[in-house]
Amino acid sequence: AMKAATEEDWRTEYLDAILSVRVV
């Protein structure tokens, strides 16, 4: 159900109901 993260997501301060997730 997750949306696809872009490179920009890793660089974004959302201050909103959005969270980027990465498996390392």
mmCIF file of all heavy atoms, coordinates in Angstrom:
data_MODEL
# 
_entry.id   MODEL 
# 
loop_
_atom_site.group_PDB 
_atom_site.id 
_atom_site.type_symbol 
_atom_site.label_atom_id 
_atom_site.label_alt_id 
_atom_site.label_comp_id 
_atom_site.label_asym_id 
_atom_site.label_entity_id 
_atom_site.label_seq_id 
_atom_site.pdbx_PDB_ins_code 
_atom_site.Cartn_x 
_atom_site.Cartn_y 
_atom_site.Cartn_z 
_atom_site.occupancy 
_atom_site.B_iso_or_equiv 
_atom_site.pdbx_formal_charge 
_atom_site.auth_seq_id 
_atom_site.auth_comp_id 
_atom_site.auth_asym_id 
_atom_site.auth_atom_id 
_atom_site.pdbx_PDB_model_num 
ATOM 1   N N   . ALA A 1 1  ? 0.814  -1.220 0.000  1.00 0.00 ? 1  ALA A N   1 
ATOM 2   C CA  . ALA A 1 1  ? 0.000  0.000  0.000  1.00 0.00 ? 1  ALA A CA  1 
ATOM 3   C C   . ALA A 1 1  ? 0.848  1.271  0.000  1.00 0.00 ? 1  ALA A C   1 
ATOM 4   O O   . ALA A 1 1  ? 0.338  2.369  -0.258 1.00 0.00 ? 1  ALA A O   1 
ATOM 5   C CB  . ALA A 1 1  ? -0.936 0.000  1.209  1.00 0.00 ? 1  ALA A CB  1 
ATOM 6   N N   . MET A 1 2  ? 2.140  1.150  0.307  1.00 0.00 ? 2  MET A N   1 
ATOM 7   C CA  . MET A 1 2  ? 3.020  2.317  0.275  1.00 0.00 ? 2  MET A CA  1 
ATOM 8   C C   . MET A 1 2  ? 3.128  2.905  -1.116 1.00 0.00 ? 2  MET A C   1 
ATOM 9   O O   . MET A 1 2  ? 3.188  2.171  -2.102 1.00 0.00 ? 2  MET A O   1 
ATOM 10  C CB  . MET A 1 2  ? 4.431  1.955  0.723  1.00 0.00 ? 2  MET A CB  1 
ATOM 11  C CG  . MET A 1 2  ? 4.620  1.695  2.176  1.00 0.00 ? 2  MET A CG  1 
ATOM 12  S SD  . MET A 1 2  ? 6.397  1.520  2.542  1.00 0.00 ? 2  MET A SD  1 
ATOM 13  C CE  . MET A 1 2  ? 6.310  0.771  4.170  1.00 0.00 ? 2  MET A CE  1 
ATOM 14  N N   . LYS A 1 3  ? 3.205  4.203  -1.195 1.00 0.00 ? 3  LYS A N   1 
ATOM 15  C CA  . LYS A 1 3  ? 3.546  4.854  -2.454 1.00 0.00 ? 3  LYS A CA  1 
ATOM 16  C C   . LYS A 1 3  ? 5.055  4.729  -2.671 1.00 0.00 ? 3  LYS A C   1 
ATOM 17  O O   . LYS A 1 3  ? 5.817  4.503  -1.735 1.00 0.00 ? 3  LYS A O   1 
ATOM 18  C CB  . LYS A 1 3  ? 3.132  6.324  -2.425 1.00 0.00 ? 3  LYS A CB  1 
ATOM 19  C CG  . LYS A 1 3  ? 1.626  6.550  -2.366 1.00 0.00 ? 3  LYS A CG  1 
ATOM 20  C CD  . LYS A 1 3  ? 1.298  8.027  -2.468 1.00 0.00 ? 3  LYS A CD  1 
ATOM 21  C CE  . LYS A 1 3  ? -0.209 8.244  -2.487 1.00 0.00 ? 3  LYS A CE  1 
ATOM 22  N NZ  . LYS A 1 3  ? -0.549 9.692  -2.564 1.00 0.00 ? 3  LYS A NZ  1 
ATOM 23  N N   . ALA A 1 4  ? 5.469  4.873  -3.912 1.00 0.00 ? 4  ALA A N   1 
ATOM 24  C CA  . ALA A 1 4  ? 6.894  4.784  -4.228 1.00 0.00 ? 4  ALA A CA  1 
ATOM 25  C C   . ALA A 1 4  ? 7.603  6.066  -3.810 1.00 0.00 ? 4  ALA A C   1 
ATOM 26  O O   . ALA A 1 4  ? 7.159  7.176  -4.133 1.00 0.00 ? 4  ALA A O   1 
ATOM 27  C CB  . ALA A 1 4  ? 7.090  4.533  -5.721 1.00 0.00 ? 4  ALA A CB  1 
ATOM 28  N N   . ALA A 1 5  ? 8.673  5.926  -3.053 1.00 0.00 ? 5  ALA A N   1 
ATOM 29  C CA  . ALA A 1 5  ? 9.472  7.079  -2.655 1.00 0.00 ? 5  ALA A CA  1 
ATOM 30  C C   . ALA A 1 5  ? 10.373 7.511  -3.798 1.00 0.00 ? 5  ALA A C   1 
ATOM 31  O O   . ALA A 1 5  ? 10.853 6.688  -4.580 1.00 0.00 ? 5  ALA A O   1 
ATOM 32  C CB  . ALA A 1 5  ? 10.315 6.737  -1.427 1.00 0.00 ? 5  ALA A CB  1 
ATOM 33  N N   . THR A 1 6  ? 10.586 8.802  -3.910 1.00 0.00 ? 6  THR A N   1 
ATOM 34  C CA  . THR A 1 6  ? 11.517 9.352  -4.884 1.00 0.00 ? 6  THR A CA  1 
ATOM 35  C C   . THR A 1 6  ? 12.766 9.846  -4.160 1.00 0.00 ? 6  THR A C   1 
ATOM 36  O O   . THR A 1 6  ? 12.807 9.926  -2.937 1.00 0.00 ? 6  THR A O   1 
ATOM 37  C CB  . THR A 1 6  ? 10.879 10.526 -5.642 1.00 0.00 ? 6  THR A CB  1 
ATOM 38  O OG1 . THR A 1 6  ? 10.672 11.618 -4.712 1.00 0.00 ? 6  THR A OG1 1 
ATOM 39  C CG2 . THR A 1 6  ? 9.535  10.125 -6.252 1.00 0.00 ? 6  THR A CG2 1 
ATOM 40  N N   . GLU A 1 7  ? 13.778 10.192 -4.917 1.00 0.00 ? 7  GLU A N   1 
ATOM 41  C CA  . GLU A 1 7  ? 14.994 10.756 -4.345 1.00 0.00 ? 7  GLU A CA  1 
ATOM 42  C C   . GLU A 1 7  ? 14.666 12.000 -3.518 1.00 0.00 ? 7  GLU A C   1 
ATOM 43  O O   . GLU A 1 7  ? 15.254 12.228 -2.462 1.00 0.00 ? 7  GLU A O   1 
ATOM 44  C CB  . GLU A 1 7  ? 15.980 11.097 -5.463 1.00 0.00 ? 7  GLU A CB  1 
ATOM 45  C CG  . GLU A 1 7  ? 17.260 11.786 -5.008 1.00 0.00 ? 7  GLU A CG  1 
ATOM 46  C CD  . GLU A 1 7  ? 18.222 10.874 -4.267 1.00 0.00 ? 7  GLU A CD  1 
ATOM 47  O OE1 . GLU A 1 7  ? 18.022 9.646  -4.308 1.00 0.00 ? 7  GLU A OE1 1 
ATOM 48  O OE2 . GLU A 1 7  ? 19.176 11.392 -3.635 1.00 0.00 ? 7  GLU A OE2 1 
ATOM 49  N N   . GLU A 1 8  ? 13.712 12.794 -3.978 1.00 0.00 ? 8  GLU A N   1 
ATOM 50  C CA  . GLU A 1 8  ? 13.329 14.011 -3.277 1.00 0.00 ? 8  GLU A CA  1 
ATOM 51  C C   . GLU A 1 8  ? 12.741 13.729 -1.896 1.00 0.00 ? 8  GLU A C   1 
ATOM 52  O O   . GLU A 1 8  ? 12.905 14.516 -0.967 1.00 0.00 ? 8  GLU A O   1 
ATOM 53  C CB  . GLU A 1 8  ? 12.316 14.801 -4.125 1.00 0.00 ? 8  GLU A CB  1 
ATOM 54  C CG  . GLU A 1 8  ? 12.009 16.209 -3.604 1.00 0.00 ? 8  GLU A CG  1 
ATOM 55  C CD  . GLU A 1 8  ? 13.231 17.112 -3.560 1.00 0.00 ? 8  GLU A CD  1 
ATOM 56  O OE1 . GLU A 1 8  ? 14.191 16.881 -4.324 1.00 0.00 ? 8  GLU A OE1 1 
ATOM 57  O OE2 . GLU A 1 8  ? 13.218 18.055 -2.741 1.00 0.00 ? 8  GLU A OE2 1 
ATOM 58  N N   . ASP A 1 9  ? 12.065 12.585 -1.744 1.00 0.00 ? 9  ASP A N   1 
ATOM 59  C CA  . ASP A 1 9  ? 11.471 12.259 -0.449 1.00 0.00 ? 9  ASP A CA  1 
ATOM 60  C C   . ASP A 1 9  ? 12.527 12.139 0.641  1.00 0.00 ? 9  ASP A C   1 
ATOM 61  O O   . ASP A 1 9  ? 12.290 12.546 1.787  1.00 0.00 ? 9  ASP A O   1 
ATOM 62  C CB  . ASP A 1 9  ? 10.660 10.955 -0.545 1.00 0.00 ? 9  ASP A CB  1 
ATOM 63  C CG  . ASP A 1 9  ? 9.320  11.154 -1.220 1.00 0.00 ? 9  ASP A CG  1 
ATOM 64  O OD1 . ASP A 1 9  ? 8.577  12.052 -0.813 1.00 0.00 ? 9  ASP A OD1 1 
ATOM 65  O OD2 . ASP A 1 9  ? 9.028  10.402 -2.182 1.00 0.00 ? 9  ASP A OD2 1 
ATOM 66  N N   . TRP A 1 10 ? 13.668 11.592 0.307  1.00 0.00 ? 10 TRP A N   1 
ATOM 67  C CA  . TRP A 1 10 ? 14.720 11.443 1.330  1.00 0.00 ? 10 TRP A CA  1 
ATOM 68  C C   . TRP A 1 10 ? 15.261 12.797 1.773  1.00 0.00 ? 10 TRP A C   1 
ATOM 69  O O   . TRP A 1 10 ? 15.845 12.904 2.852  1.00 0.00 ? 10 TRP A O   1 
ATOM 70  C CB  . TRP A 1 10 ? 15.877 10.589 0.802  1.00 0.00 ? 10 TRP A CB  1 
ATOM 71  C CG  . TRP A 1 10 ? 15.502 9.302  0.152  1.00 0.00 ? 10 TRP A CG  1 
ATOM 72  C CD1 . TRP A 1 10 ? 15.883 8.874  -1.089 1.00 0.00 ? 10 TRP A CD1 1 
ATOM 73  C CD2 . TRP A 1 10 ? 14.688 8.238  0.672  1.00 0.00 ? 10 TRP A CD2 1 
ATOM 74  N NE1 . TRP A 1 10 ? 15.366 7.642  -1.369 1.00 0.00 ? 10 TRP A NE1 1 
ATOM 75  C CE2 . TRP A 1 10 ? 14.622 7.217  -0.293 1.00 0.00 ? 10 TRP A CE2 1 
ATOM 76  C CE3 . TRP A 1 10 ? 13.996 8.060  1.879  1.00 0.00 ? 10 TRP A CE3 1 
ATOM 77  C CZ2 . TRP A 1 10 ? 13.909 6.044  -0.109 1.00 0.00 ? 10 TRP A CZ2 1 
ATOM 78  C CZ3 . TRP A 1 10 ? 13.260 6.883  2.061  1.00 0.00 ? 10 TRP A CZ3 1 
ATOM 79  C CH2 . TRP A 1 10 ? 13.226 5.894  1.080  1.00 0.00 ? 10 TRP A CH2 1 
ATOM 80  N N   . ARG A 1 11 ? 15.042 13.817 0.984  1.00 0.00 ? 11 ARG A N   1 
ATOM 81  C CA  . ARG A 1 11 ? 15.571 15.154 1.267  1.00 0.00 ? 11 ARG A CA  1 
ATOM 82  C C   . ARG A 1 11 ? 14.501 16.118 1.772  1.00 0.00 ? 11 ARG A C   1 
ATOM 83  O O   . ARG A 1 11 ? 14.754 17.311 1.886  1.00 0.00 ? 11 ARG A O   1 
ATOM 84  C CB  . ARG A 1 11 ? 16.224 15.749 0.009  1.00 0.00 ? 11 ARG A CB  1 
ATOM 85  C CG  . ARG A 1 11 ? 17.345 14.896 -0.581 1.00 0.00 ? 11 ARG A CG  1 
ATOM 86  C CD  . ARG A 1 11 ? 17.980 15.589 -1.783 1.00 0.00 ? 11 ARG A CD  1 
ATOM 87  N NE  . ARG A 1 11 ? 18.980 14.741 -2.412 1.00 0.00 ? 11 ARG A NE  1 
ATOM 88  C CZ  . ARG A 1 11 ? 20.242 14.626 -2.005 1.00 0.00 ? 11 ARG A CZ  1 
ATOM 89  N NH1 . ARG A 1 11 ? 20.664 15.343 -0.989 1.00 0.00 ? 11 ARG A NH1 1 
ATOM 90  N NH2 . ARG A 1 11 ? 21.085 13.826 -2.630 1.00 0.00 ? 11 ARG A NH2 1 
ATOM 91  N N   . THR A 1 12 ? 13.315 15.614 2.103  1.00 0.00 ? 12 THR A N   1 
ATOM 92  C CA  . THR A 1 12 ? 12.176 16.478 2.401  1.00 0.00 ? 12 THR A CA  1 
ATOM 93  C C   . THR A 1 12 ? 11.806 16.456 3.879  1.00 0.00 ? 12 THR A C   1 
ATOM 94  O O   . THR A 1 12 ? 11.677 15.396 4.482  1.00 0.00 ? 12 THR A O   1 
ATOM 95  C CB  . THR A 1 12 ? 10.951 16.065 1.563  1.00 0.00 ? 12 THR A CB  1 
ATOM 96  O OG1 . THR A 1 12 ? 11.270 16.213 0.168  1.00 0.00 ? 12 THR A OG1 1 
ATOM 97  C CG2 . THR A 1 12 ? 9.751  16.944 1.885  1.00 0.00 ? 12 THR A CG2 1 
ATOM 98  N N   . GLU A 1 13 ? 11.646 17.654 4.446  1.00 0.00 ? 13 GLU A N   1 
ATOM 99  C CA  . GLU A 1 13 ? 11.027 17.810 5.759  1.00 0.00 ? 13 GLU A CA  1 
ATOM 100 C C   . GLU A 1 13 ? 9.541  18.044 5.524  1.00 0.00 ? 13 GLU A C   1 
ATOM 101 O O   . GLU A 1 13 ? 9.125  19.129 5.145  1.00 0.00 ? 13 GLU A O   1 
ATOM 102 C CB  . GLU A 1 13 ? 11.641 18.994 6.515  1.00 0.00 ? 13 GLU A CB  1 
ATOM 103 C CG  . GLU A 1 13 ? 11.039 19.179 7.908  1.00 0.00 ? 13 GLU A CG  1 
ATOM 104 C CD  . GLU A 1 13 ? 11.581 20.408 8.633  1.00 0.00 ? 13 GLU A CD  1 
ATOM 105 O OE1 . GLU A 1 13 ? 12.027 21.358 7.955  1.00 0.00 ? 13 GLU A OE1 1 
ATOM 106 O OE2 . GLU A 1 13 ? 11.545 20.419 9.880  1.00 0.00 ? 13 GLU A OE2 1 
ATOM 107 N N   . TYR A 1 14 ? 8.727  17.026 5.743  1.00 0.00 ? 14 TYR A N   1 
ATOM 108 C CA  . TYR A 1 14 ? 7.321  17.105 5.383  1.00 0.00 ? 14 TYR A CA  1 
ATOM 109 C C   . TYR A 1 14 ? 6.538  18.039 6.299  1.00 0.00 ? 14 TYR A C   1 
ATOM 110 O O   . TYR A 1 14 ? 5.661  18.776 5.829  1.00 0.00 ? 14 TYR A O   1 
ATOM 111 C CB  . TYR A 1 14 ? 6.670  15.715 5.419  1.00 0.00 ? 14 TYR A CB  1 
ATOM 112 C CG  . TYR A 1 14 ? 7.276  14.703 4.484  1.00 0.00 ? 14 TYR A CG  1 
ATOM 113 C CD1 . TYR A 1 14 ? 7.984  13.607 4.970  1.00 0.00 ? 14 TYR A CD1 1 
ATOM 114 C CD2 . TYR A 1 14 ? 7.143  14.835 3.109  1.00 0.00 ? 14 TYR A CD2 1 
ATOM 115 C CE1 . TYR A 1 14 ? 8.539  12.661 4.125  1.00 0.00 ? 14 TYR A CE1 1 
ATOM 116 C CE2 . TYR A 1 14 ? 7.691  13.893 2.253  1.00 0.00 ? 14 TYR A CE2 1 
ATOM 117 C CZ  . TYR A 1 14 ? 8.384  12.811 2.771  1.00 0.00 ? 14 TYR A CZ  1 
ATOM 118 O OH  . TYR A 1 14 ? 8.935  11.873 1.919  1.00 0.00 ? 14 TYR A OH  1 
ATOM 119 N N   . LEU A 1 15 ? 6.777  17.949 7.604  1.00 0.00 ? 15 LEU A N   1 
ATOM 120 C CA  . LEU A 1 15 ? 5.947  18.667 8.583  1.00 0.00 ? 15 LEU A CA  1 
ATOM 121 C C   . LEU A 1 15 ? 4.474  18.357 8.335  1.00 0.00 ? 15 LEU A C   1 
ATOM 122 O O   . LEU A 1 15 ? 3.598  19.204 8.463  1.00 0.00 ? 15 LEU A O   1 
ATOM 123 C CB  . LEU A 1 15 ? 6.208  20.182 8.531  1.00 0.00 ? 15 LEU A CB  1 
ATOM 124 C CG  . LEU A 1 15 ? 7.627  20.636 8.833  1.00 0.00 ? 15 LEU A CG  1 
ATOM 125 C CD1 . LEU A 1 15 ? 7.802  22.124 8.557  1.00 0.00 ? 15 LEU A CD1 1 
ATOM 126 C CD2 . LEU A 1 15 ? 8.004  20.318 10.294 1.00 0.00 ? 15 LEU A CD2 1 
ATOM 127 N N   . ASP A 1 16 ? 4.216  17.124 7.992  1.00 0.00 ? 16 ASP A N   1 
ATOM 128 C CA  . ASP A 1 16 ? 2.883  16.717 7.568  1.00 0.00 ? 16 ASP A CA  1 
ATOM 129 C C   . ASP A 1 16 ? 2.735  15.214 7.802  1.00 0.00 ? 16 ASP A C   1 
ATOM 130 O O   . ASP A 1 16 ? 3.681  14.532 8.219  1.00 0.00 ? 16 ASP A O   1 
ATOM 131 C CB  . ASP A 1 16 ? 2.693  17.063 6.086  1.00 0.00 ? 16 ASP A CB  1 
ATOM 132 C CG  . ASP A 1 16 ? 1.219  17.206 5.704  1.00 0.00 ? 16 ASP A CG  1 
ATOM 133 O OD1 . ASP A 1 16 ? 0.334  16.871 6.524  1.00 0.00 ? 16 ASP A OD1 1 
ATOM 134 O OD2 . ASP A 1 16 ? 0.957  17.639 4.561  1.00 0.00 ? 16 ASP A OD2 1 
ATOM 135 N N   . ALA A 1 17 ? 1.555  14.693 7.500  1.00 0.00 ? 17 ALA A N   1 
ATOM 136 C CA  . ALA A 1 17 ? 1.241  13.281 7.722  1.00 0.00 ? 17 ALA A CA  1 
ATOM 137 C C   . ALA A 1 17 ? 1.806  12.403 6.606  1.00 0.00 ? 17 ALA A C   1 
ATOM 138 O O   . ALA A 1 17 ? 1.094  11.624 5.960  1.00 0.00 ? 17 ALA A O   1 
ATOM 139 C CB  . ALA A 1 17 ? -0.269 13.098 7.846  1.00 0.00 ? 17 ALA A CB  1 
ATOM 140 N N   . ILE A 1 18 ? 3.098  12.506 6.381  1.00 0.00 ? 18 ILE A N   1 
ATOM 141 C CA  . ILE A 1 18 ? 3.812  11.738 5.362  1.00 0.00 ? 18 ILE A CA  1 
ATOM 142 C C   . ILE A 1 18 ? 5.103  11.231 5.978  1.00 0.00 ? 18 ILE A C   1 
ATOM 143 O O   . ILE A 1 18 ? 5.789  11.964 6.694  1.00 0.00 ? 18 ILE A O   1 
ATOM 144 C CB  . ILE A 1 18 ? 4.124  12.597 4.116  1.00 0.00 ? 18 ILE A CB  1 
ATOM 145 C CG1 . ILE A 1 18 ? 2.856  13.229 3.542  1.00 0.00 ? 18 ILE A CG1 1 
ATOM 146 C CG2 . ILE A 1 18 ? 4.835  11.762 3.046  1.00 0.00 ? 18 ILE A CG2 1 
ATOM 147 C CD1 . ILE A 1 18 ? 3.132  14.277 2.475  1.00 0.00 ? 18 ILE A CD1 1 
ATOM 148 N N   . LEU A 1 19 ? 5.462  9.993  5.692  1.00 0.00 ? 19 LEU A N   1 
ATOM 149 C CA  . LEU A 1 19 ? 6.686  9.400  6.206  1.00 0.00 ? 19 LEU A CA  1 
ATOM 150 C C   . LEU A 1 19 ? 7.354  8.596  5.107  1.00 0.00 ? 19 LEU A C   1 
ATOM 151 O O   . LEU A 1 19 ? 6.712  7.776  4.451  1.00 0.00 ? 19 LEU A O   1 
ATOM 152 C CB  . LEU A 1 19 ? 6.385  8.489  7.393  1.00 0.00 ? 19 LEU A CB  1 
ATOM 153 C CG  . LEU A 1 19 ? 7.569  7.711  8.000  1.00 0.00 ? 19 LEU A CG  1 
ATOM 154 C CD1 . LEU A 1 19 ? 8.553  8.670  8.663  1.00 0.00 ? 19 LEU A CD1 1 
ATOM 155 C CD2 . LEU A 1 19 ? 7.072  6.669  9.003  1.00 0.00 ? 19 LEU A CD2 1 
ATOM 156 N N   . SER A 1 20 ? 8.641  8.820  4.889  1.00 0.00 ? 20 SER A N   1 
ATOM 157 C CA  . SER A 1 20 ? 9.393  8.001  3.946  1.00 0.00 ? 20 SER A CA  1 
ATOM 158 C C   . SER A 1 20 ? 10.019 6.822  4.695  1.00 0.00 ? 20 SER A C   1 
ATOM 159 O O   . SER A 1 20 ? 10.417 6.944  5.855  1.00 0.00 ? 20 SER A O   1 
ATOM 160 C CB  . SER A 1 20 ? 10.463 8.825  3.226  1.00 0.00 ? 20 SER A CB  1 
ATOM 161 O OG  . SER A 1 20 ? 11.334 9.451  4.099  1.00 0.00 ? 20 SER A OG  1 
ATOM 162 N N   . VAL A 1 21 ? 10.085 5.683  4.023  1.00 0.00 ? 21 VAL A N   1 
ATOM 163 C CA  . VAL A 1 21 ? 10.532 4.440  4.648  1.00 0.00 ? 21 VAL A CA  1 
ATOM 164 C C   . VAL A 1 21 ? 11.548 3.760  3.732  1.00 0.00 ? 21 VAL A C   1 
ATOM 165 O O   . VAL A 1 21 ? 11.306 3.591  2.528  1.00 0.00 ? 21 VAL A O   1 
ATOM 166 C CB  . VAL A 1 21 ? 9.353  3.472  4.896  1.00 0.00 ? 21 VAL A CB  1 
ATOM 167 C CG1 . VAL A 1 21 ? 9.846  2.201  5.588  1.00 0.00 ? 21 VAL A CG1 1 
ATOM 168 C CG2 . VAL A 1 21 ? 8.264  4.146  5.728  1.00 0.00 ? 21 VAL A CG2 1 
ATOM 169 N N   . ARG A 1 22 ? 12.684 3.355  4.294  1.00 0.00 ? 22 ARG A N   1 
ATOM 170 C CA  . ARG A 1 22 ? 13.690 2.637  3.518  1.00 0.00 ? 22 ARG A CA  1 
ATOM 171 C C   . ARG A 1 22 ? 14.181 1.422  4.296  1.00 0.00 ? 22 ARG A C   1 
ATOM 172 O O   . ARG A 1 22 ? 14.421 1.508  5.507  1.00 0.00 ? 22 ARG A O   1 
ATOM 173 C CB  . ARG A 1 22 ? 14.871 3.548  3.192  1.00 0.00 ? 22 ARG A CB  1 
ATOM 174 C CG  . ARG A 1 22 ? 15.923 2.858  2.313  1.00 0.00 ? 22 ARG A CG  1 
ATOM 175 C CD  . ARG A 1 22 ? 17.111 3.733  2.013  1.00 0.00 ? 22 ARG A CD  1 
ATOM 176 N NE  . ARG A 1 22 ? 18.078 3.020  1.202  1.00 0.00 ? 22 ARG A NE  1 
ATOM 177 C CZ  . ARG A 1 22 ? 19.314 3.440  0.937  1.00 0.00 ? 22 ARG A CZ  1 
ATOM 178 N NH1 . ARG A 1 22 ? 19.736 4.609  1.412  1.00 0.00 ? 22 ARG A NH1 1 
ATOM 179 N NH2 . ARG A 1 22 ? 20.123 2.708  0.188  1.00 0.00 ? 22 ARG A NH2 1 
ATOM 180 N N   . VAL A 1 23 ? 14.320 0.315  3.604  1.00 0.00 ? 23 VAL A N   1 
ATOM 181 C CA  . VAL A 1 23 ? 14.925 -0.889 4.167  1.00 0.00 ? 23 VAL A CA  1 
ATOM 182 C C   . VAL A 1 23 ? 16.416 -0.852 3.856  1.00 0.00 ? 23 VAL A C   1 
ATOM 183 O O   . VAL A 1 23 ? 16.814 -0.675 2.705  1.00 0.00 ? 23 VAL A O   1 
ATOM 184 C CB  . VAL A 1 23 ? 14.279 -2.161 3.591  1.00 0.00 ? 23 VAL A CB  1 
ATOM 185 C CG1 . VAL A 1 23 ? 15.000 -3.414 4.108  1.00 0.00 ? 23 VAL A CG1 1 
ATOM 186 C CG2 . VAL A 1 23 ? 12.796 -2.223 3.963  1.00 0.00 ? 23 VAL A CG2 1 
ATOM 187 N N   . VAL A 1 24 ? 17.253 -0.994 4.899  1.00 0.00 ? 24 VAL A N   1 
ATOM 188 C CA  . VAL A 1 24 ? 18.706 -0.940 4.720  1.00 0.00 ? 24 VAL A CA  1 
ATOM 189 C C   . VAL A 1 24 ? 19.317 -2.263 5.162  1.00 0.00 ? 24 VAL A C   1 
ATOM 190 O O   . VAL A 1 24 ? 18.740 -3.009 5.950  1.00 0.00 ? 24 VAL A O   1 
ATOM 191 C CB  . VAL A 1 24 ? 19.321 0.224  5.526  1.00 0.00 ? 24 VAL A CB  1 
ATOM 192 C CG1 . VAL A 1 24 ? 18.850 1.567  4.979  1.00 0.00 ? 24 VAL A CG1 1 
ATOM 193 C CG2 . VAL A 1 24 ? 19.000 0.111  7.018  1.00 0.00 ? 24 VAL A CG2 1 
# 
